Amino acid sequence: MKKLNLNWPIFAVAGMLTLSGCVTKKYYVQAPPPGSPPPVVQVPEGQTPPPPPKEVVVVAPGPDYVWTPGYYTWNGGWVWVGGGWVRPPRPHAIWVSGRWAYRGHHHVWVGGYWR
């Protein structure tokens, strides 16, 4: 009678874990359609956005990618959204980053857009 080898699942999992280091993560940033007003988020009075942390800009995935820097968003508290590489919607398009503007007595987020 042939002995059944039950160690193969361990080797299969170990192989998958070893190969998982080769997987790259892709990040996509969706820009608003051209000509549409940027989305606006209002923050309660007195809640000033913190200074942005230093971002590590990794190598671009291709020559036609543009780095869009990270930004803080408001979700009941400040949350950092990291930057990423994106492909412009058309050749020679320039990304204009979003910004926090102080209007009235509130900080208001004015979203980024392609020009």
C-alpha atoms as a PDB file:
ATOM      1  CA  MET A   1       0.000   0.000   0.000  1.00  0.00           C
ATOM      2  CA  LYS A   2       1.292   3.474  -0.989  1.00  0.00           C
ATOM      3  CA  LYS A   3       1.712   6.019   1.832  1.00  0.00           C
ATOM      4  CA  LEU A   4      -0.216   9.296   1.281  1.00  0.00           C
ATOM      5  CA  ASN A   5       1.901  12.465   1.583  1.00  0.00           C
ATOM      6  CA  LEU A   6      -0.126  15.063   3.516  1.00  0.00           C
ATOM      7  CA  ASN A   7       2.621  17.709   3.461  1.00  0.00           C
ATOM      8  CA  TRP A   8       1.774  19.027  -0.028  1.00  0.00           C
ATOM      9  CA  PRO A   9      -0.717  21.667   1.257  1.00  0.00           C
ATOM     10  CA  ILE A  10       2.023  23.154   3.451  1.00  0.00           C
ATOM     11  CA  PHE A  11       4.401  23.408   0.474  1.00  0.00           C
ATOM     12  CA  ALA A  12       1.654  24.916  -1.697  1.00  0.00           C
ATOM     13  CA  VAL A  13       0.858  27.615   0.887  1.00  0.00           C
ATOM     14  CA  ALA A  14       4.563  28.325   1.453  1.00  0.00           C
ATOM     15  CA  GLY A  15       5.023  28.689  -2.309  1.00  0.00           C
ATOM     16  CA  MET A  16       2.098  31.091  -2.587  1.00  0.00           C
ATOM     17  CA  LEU A  17       3.424  33.203   0.301  1.00  0.00           C
ATOM     18  CA  THR A  18       6.858  33.318  -1.316  1.00  0.00           C
ATOM     19  CA  LEU A  19       5.414  34.433  -4.649  1.00  0.00           C
ATOM     20  CA  SER A  20       3.112  37.000  -3.040  1.00  0.00           C
ATOM     21  CA  GLY A  21       6.096  39.335  -2.613  1.00  0.00           C
ATOM     22  CA  CYS A  22       6.083  39.794  -6.413  1.00  0.00           C
ATOM     23  CA  VAL A  23       2.592  41.284  -6.507  1.00  0.00           C
ATOM     24  CA  THR A  24       2.389  45.045  -6.932  1.00  0.00           C
ATOM     25  CA  LYS A  25      -0.395  47.223  -5.624  1.00  0.00           C
ATOM     26  CA  LYS A  26      -2.105  49.627  -8.009  1.00  0.00           C
ATOM     27  CA  TYR A  27      -3.795  52.817  -6.871  1.00  0.00           C
ATOM     28  CA  TYR A  28      -6.298  54.665  -8.989  1.00  0.00           C
ATOM     29  CA  VAL A  29      -7.443  58.232  -8.522  1.00  0.00           C
ATOM     30  CA  GLN A  30     -10.622  59.251 -10.264  1.00  0.00           C
ATOM     31  CA  ALA A  31     -10.751  62.813 -11.473  1.00  0.00           C
ATOM     32  CA  PRO A  32     -14.035  64.667 -11.900  1.00  0.00           C
ATOM     33  CA  PRO A  33     -15.315  64.958 -15.472  1.00  0.00           C
ATOM     34  CA  PRO A  34     -13.998  68.027 -17.318  1.00  0.00           C
ATOM     35  CA  GLY A  35     -16.114  71.112 -16.736  1.00  0.00           C
ATOM     36  CA  SER A  36     -17.853  69.741 -13.623  1.00  0.00           C
ATOM     37  CA  PRO A  37     -17.600  71.677 -10.367  1.00  0.00           C
ATOM     38  CA  PRO A  38     -15.225  70.131  -7.826  1.00  0.00           C
ATOM     39  CA  PRO A  39     -16.828  68.350  -4.861  1.00  0.00           C
ATOM     40  CA  VAL A  40     -17.035  70.474  -1.708  1.00  0.00           C
ATOM     41  CA  VAL A  41     -16.677  69.171   1.857  1.00  0.00           C
ATOM     42  CA  GLN A  42     -17.311  71.468   4.813  1.00  0.00           C
ATOM     43  CA  VAL A  43     -15.439  71.024   8.109  1.00  0.00           C
ATOM     44  CA  PRO A  44     -16.738  72.251  11.499  1.00  0.00           C
ATOM     45  CA  GLU A  45     -15.477  75.612  12.707  1.00  0.00           C
ATOM     46  CA  GLY A  46     -12.112  75.528  14.471  1.00  0.00           C
ATOM     47  CA  GLN A  47     -10.948  72.271  12.842  1.00  0.00           C
ATOM     48  CA  THR A  48      -7.787  73.261  10.975  1.00  0.00           C
ATOM     49  CA  PRO A  49      -6.197  70.654   8.690  1.00  0.00           C
ATOM     50  CA  PRO A  50      -2.790  69.477   9.952  1.00  0.00           C
ATOM     51  CA  PRO A  51       0.332  69.979   7.857  1.00  0.00           C
ATOM     52  CA  PRO A  52       0.749  67.187   5.307  1.00  0.00           C
ATOM     53  CA  PRO A  53       3.270  64.441   6.129  1.00  0.00           C
ATOM     54  CA  LYS A  54       6.238  63.840   3.848  1.00  0.00           C
ATOM     55  CA  GLU A  55       5.273  61.336   1.181  1.00  0.00           C
ATOM     56  CA  VAL A  56       7.572  58.759  -0.334  1.00  0.00           C
ATOM     57  CA  VAL A  57       7.211  59.013  -4.096  1.00  0.00           C
ATOM     58  CA  VAL A  58       8.035  55.638  -5.605  1.00  0.00           C
ATOM     59  CA  VAL A  59       9.169  55.057  -9.184  1.00  0.00           C
ATOM     60  CA  ALA A  60       6.459  55.722 -11.771  1.00  0.00           C
ATOM     61  CA  PRO A  61       4.894  52.617 -13.325  1.00  0.00           C
ATOM     62  CA  GLY A  62       5.419  54.148 -16.783  1.00  0.00           C
ATOM     63  CA  PRO A  63       6.636  57.279 -18.560  1.00  0.00           C
ATOM     64  CA  ASP A  64       3.144  58.687 -19.094  1.00  0.00           C
ATOM     65  CA  TYR A  65       2.078  58.679 -15.409  1.00  0.00           C
ATOM     66  CA  VAL A  66       1.660  61.790 -13.227  1.00  0.00           C
ATOM     67  CA  TRP A  67       2.082  61.870  -9.441  1.00  0.00           C
ATOM     68  CA  THR A  68      -0.976  63.211  -7.620  1.00  0.00           C
ATOM     69  CA  PRO A  69      -0.003  64.178  -4.060  1.00  0.00           C
ATOM     70  CA  GLY A  70      -1.895  63.035  -0.993  1.00  0.00           C
ATOM     71  CA  TYR A  71      -4.322  65.162   0.971  1.00  0.00           C
ATOM     72  CA  TYR A  72      -6.325  65.235   4.187  1.00  0.00           C
ATOM     73  CA  THR A  73     -10.025  64.502   4.067  1.00  0.00           C
ATOM     74  CA  TRP A  74     -12.620  65.034   6.770  1.00  0.00           C
ATOM     75  CA  ASN A  75     -14.504  62.030   8.157  1.00  0.00           C
ATOM     76  CA  GLY A  76     -15.450  63.296  11.609  1.00  0.00           C
ATOM     77  CA  GLY A  77     -11.686  63.772  12.040  1.00  0.00           C
ATOM     78  CA  TRP A  78      -8.714  64.312   9.746  1.00  0.00           C
ATOM     79  CA  VAL A  79      -7.778  61.286   7.632  1.00  0.00           C
ATOM     80  CA  TRP A  80      -4.721  61.219   5.346  1.00  0.00           C
ATOM     81  CA  VAL A  81      -5.245  59.893   1.801  1.00  0.00           C
ATOM     82  CA  GLY A  82      -1.876  59.015   0.259  1.00  0.00           C
ATOM     83  CA  GLY A  83      -0.846  60.175  -3.189  1.00  0.00           C
ATOM     84  CA  GLY A  84      -0.368  57.931  -6.193  1.00  0.00           C
ATOM     85  CA  TRP A  85       0.558  57.616  -9.846  1.00  0.00           C
ATOM     86  CA  VAL A  86      -2.254  58.084 -12.389  1.00  0.00           C
ATOM     87  CA  ARG A  87      -2.518  58.328 -16.149  1.00  0.00           C
ATOM     88  CA  PRO A  88      -3.811  61.676 -17.390  1.00  0.00           C
ATOM     89  CA  PRO A  89      -7.119  61.641 -19.278  1.00  0.00           C
ATOM     90  CA  ARG A  90      -5.409  63.170 -22.339  1.00  0.00           C
ATOM     91  CA  PRO A  91      -1.837  63.934 -23.449  1.00  0.00           C
ATOM     92  CA  HIS A  92      -0.175  66.934 -21.761  1.00  0.00           C
ATOM     93  CA  ALA A  93      -2.944  67.268 -19.132  1.00  0.00           C
ATOM     94  CA  ILE A  94      -1.787  68.846 -15.873  1.00  0.00           C
ATOM     95  CA  TRP A  95      -3.100  67.819 -12.445  1.00  0.00           C
ATOM     96  CA  VAL A  96      -4.131  70.745 -10.240  1.00  0.00           C
ATOM     97  CA  SER A  97      -4.149  69.475  -6.651  1.00  0.00           C
ATOM     98  CA  GLY A  98      -7.091  69.995  -4.350  1.00  0.00           C
ATOM     99  CA  ARG A  99      -6.728  72.403  -1.451  1.00  0.00           C
ATOM    100  CA  TRP A 100      -8.350  73.491   1.759  1.00  0.00           C
ATOM    101  CA  ALA A 101      -9.771  77.025   1.526  1.00  0.00           C
ATOM    102  CA  TYR A 102     -11.110  79.079   4.409  1.00  0.00           C
ATOM    103  CA  ARG A 103     -14.549  80.447   3.508  1.00  0.00           C
ATOM    104  CA  GLY A 104     -16.834  82.115   6.015  1.00  0.00           C
ATOM    105  CA  HIS A 105     -16.011  80.423   9.305  1.00  0.00           C
ATOM    106  CA  HIS A 106     -15.207  76.986   7.882  1.00  0.00           C
ATOM    107  CA  HIS A 107     -12.474  75.146   6.028  1.00  0.00           C
ATOM    108  CA  VAL A 108     -13.826  73.926   2.701  1.00  0.00           C
ATOM    109  CA  TRP A 109     -12.197  71.266   0.493  1.00  0.00           C
ATOM    110  CA  VAL A 110     -11.929  72.255  -3.158  1.00  0.00           C
ATOM    111  CA  GLY A 111     -11.175  69.065  -5.097  1.00  0.00           C
ATOM    112  CA  GLY A 112      -8.353  68.618  -7.577  1.00  0.00           C
ATOM    113  CA  TYR A 113      -8.928  68.491 -11.340  1.00  0.00           C
ATOM    114  CA  TRP A 114      -7.193  68.015 -14.691  1.00  0.00           C
ATOM    115  CA  ARG A 115      -6.559  71.072 -16.890  1.00  0.00           C
END
